[in-house]
Protein backbone atom coordinates (compact mmCIF):
# COMPACT_ATOMS: atom_id res chain seq x y z
CA MET A 1 -165.01 -68.09 127.40
CA TRP A 2 -161.62 -66.46 127.72
CA GLY A 3 -160.39 -63.76 125.40
CA TYR A 4 -158.13 -60.66 125.48
CA VAL A 5 -159.05 -57.35 127.15
CA GLY A 6 -157.44 -55.29 124.42
CA LYS A 7 -155.18 -56.06 121.55
CA GLY A 8 -152.15 -57.84 122.92
CA SER A 9 -152.88 -57.61 126.38
CA ARG A 10 -154.48 -59.43 129.27
CA PHE A 11 -156.23 -62.72 128.86
CA LEU A 12 -159.65 -62.82 131.03
CA PRO A 13 -162.90 -64.67 131.11
CA LYS A 14 -165.76 -62.56 129.15
CA SER A 15 -167.74 -62.39 132.34
CA VAL A 16 -164.60 -60.62 134.10
CA ARG A 17 -164.10 -58.36 131.05
CA ASP A 18 -167.57 -57.41 130.81
CA LYS A 19 -167.62 -56.09 134.36
CA LEU A 20 -164.42 -53.96 134.08
CA SER A 21 -164.51 -50.15 133.41
CA ALA A 22 -162.46 -48.65 130.64
CA SER A 23 -160.19 -47.40 133.12
CA GLU A 24 -159.69 -50.67 134.74
CA LYS A 25 -159.21 -52.29 131.50
CA ARG A 26 -156.35 -49.62 130.58
CA ALA A 27 -154.88 -49.99 134.07
CA THR A 28 -154.40 -53.96 133.87
CA ASN A 29 -153.23 -53.64 130.21
CA ARG A 30 -150.44 -51.20 131.30
CA LYS A 31 -149.52 -53.26 134.27
CA LYS A 32 -149.17 -56.14 131.78
CA ALA A 33 -147.26 -54.25 129.02
CA MET A 34 -144.71 -52.94 131.68
CA ALA A 35 -144.20 -56.67 132.82
CA ASN A 36 -143.45 -57.65 129.22
CA ARG A 37 -141.06 -54.83 128.81
CA GLU A 38 -139.21 -56.02 131.97
CA GLY A 39 -138.99 -59.52 130.31
CA LYS A 40 -141.67 -61.07 132.80
CA THR A 41 -144.30 -63.38 131.19
CA ARG A 42 -146.87 -62.66 133.95
CA ALA A 43 -147.99 -59.66 135.98
CA LYS A 44 -150.19 -59.83 139.05
CA TYR A 45 -153.87 -58.98 138.79
CA SER A 46 -155.64 -56.16 140.70
CA ASN A 47 -157.52 -57.25 143.77
CA LYS A 48 -160.90 -56.74 141.88
CA ILE A 49 -159.68 -58.82 138.95
CA ARG A 50 -158.29 -61.67 141.03
CA ARG A 51 -161.66 -61.80 143.04
CA LEU A 52 -163.79 -61.76 139.70
CA VAL A 53 -161.52 -64.54 138.27
CA ARG A 54 -161.71 -66.74 141.41
CA LYS A 55 -165.52 -66.25 141.51
CA THR A 56 -165.96 -67.27 137.89
CA ALA A 57 -163.89 -70.45 138.49
CA LYS A 58 -165.88 -71.45 141.51
CA SER A 59 -169.01 -71.19 139.60
CA ARG A 60 -168.02 -73.62 136.95
CA ASN A 61 -168.59 -77.45 137.98
CA ILE A 62 -165.14 -78.35 138.99
CA ALA A 63 -164.22 -81.61 140.35
CA VAL A 64 -163.69 -81.40 144.29
CA LYS A 65 -161.97 -84.18 145.71
CA LYS A 66 -163.89 -85.76 148.87
CA HIS A 67 -160.62 -87.38 150.25
CA PRO A 68 -157.87 -84.66 149.97
CA LYS A 69 -155.39 -86.91 151.81
CA LYS A 70 -156.05 -89.77 149.26
CA TRP A 71 -155.48 -87.31 146.32
CA GLN A 72 -152.11 -86.01 147.89
CA ARG A 73 -151.21 -89.77 148.07
CA SER A 74 -152.15 -90.31 144.64
CA VAL A 75 -150.22 -87.24 143.09
CA LYS A 76 -147.14 -88.49 144.98
CA LYS A 77 -147.35 -91.99 143.33
CA ALA A 78 -148.07 -90.37 139.89
CA LEU A 79 -145.18 -87.91 140.48
CA LYS A 80 -142.89 -90.97 141.04
CA GLU A 81 -144.06 -92.71 137.90
CA TYR A 82 -143.25 -89.68 135.75
CA GLY A 83 -139.92 -89.08 137.40
CA GLY A 84 -140.81 -86.14 139.40
CA LYS A 85 -142.42 -83.85 136.57
CA ARG A 86 -145.62 -82.44 136.94
CA SER A 87 -147.69 -82.58 133.55
CA ALA A 88 -151.24 -82.70 132.48
CA LEU A 89 -150.73 -86.72 131.97
CA MET A 90 -149.13 -87.06 135.42
CA TYR A 91 -152.32 -85.49 136.80
CA LEU A 92 -154.56 -87.72 134.77
CA ARG A 93 -152.48 -90.56 136.11
CA ALA A 94 -153.19 -89.28 139.68
CA SER A 95 -157.00 -89.12 139.20
CA ARG A 96 -156.88 -92.54 138.04
CA ILE A 97 -154.92 -93.65 141.09
CA TYR A 98 -157.21 -91.47 143.38
CA GLN A 99 -160.18 -93.29 141.89
CA GLU A 100 -158.49 -97.08 142.18
CA MET A 101 -157.84 -95.81 145.98
CA GLY A 102 -161.87 -95.17 146.54
CA GLY A 103 -161.76 -91.46 146.11
CA LYS A 104 -164.84 -89.71 145.27
CA TYR A 105 -165.70 -86.43 143.90
CA VAL A 106 -168.46 -84.00 145.18
CA ASN A 107 -170.10 -81.00 143.29
């Protein structure tokens, strides 16, 4: 479950937040606050946080495509149908096209 590291600061998975020390939380909040003051909406994660977030994402059951080239072709087709604009609906259509092409998923 995702949530904020501190009041009005970083948004991270609970497992990642629990593994950070107090000083790491302060550092990442400072980095995010500085980016906000500069008018940016995003600030890069530290190497440790990036590694933990990726590890959390990999541990979930995310659908992995068995045929990456079919997936790329289905995305191109869906992009044409949606006027070249990427959106959640476009990716939903791409997954339907992928399945119609005989694409499979692996866990």
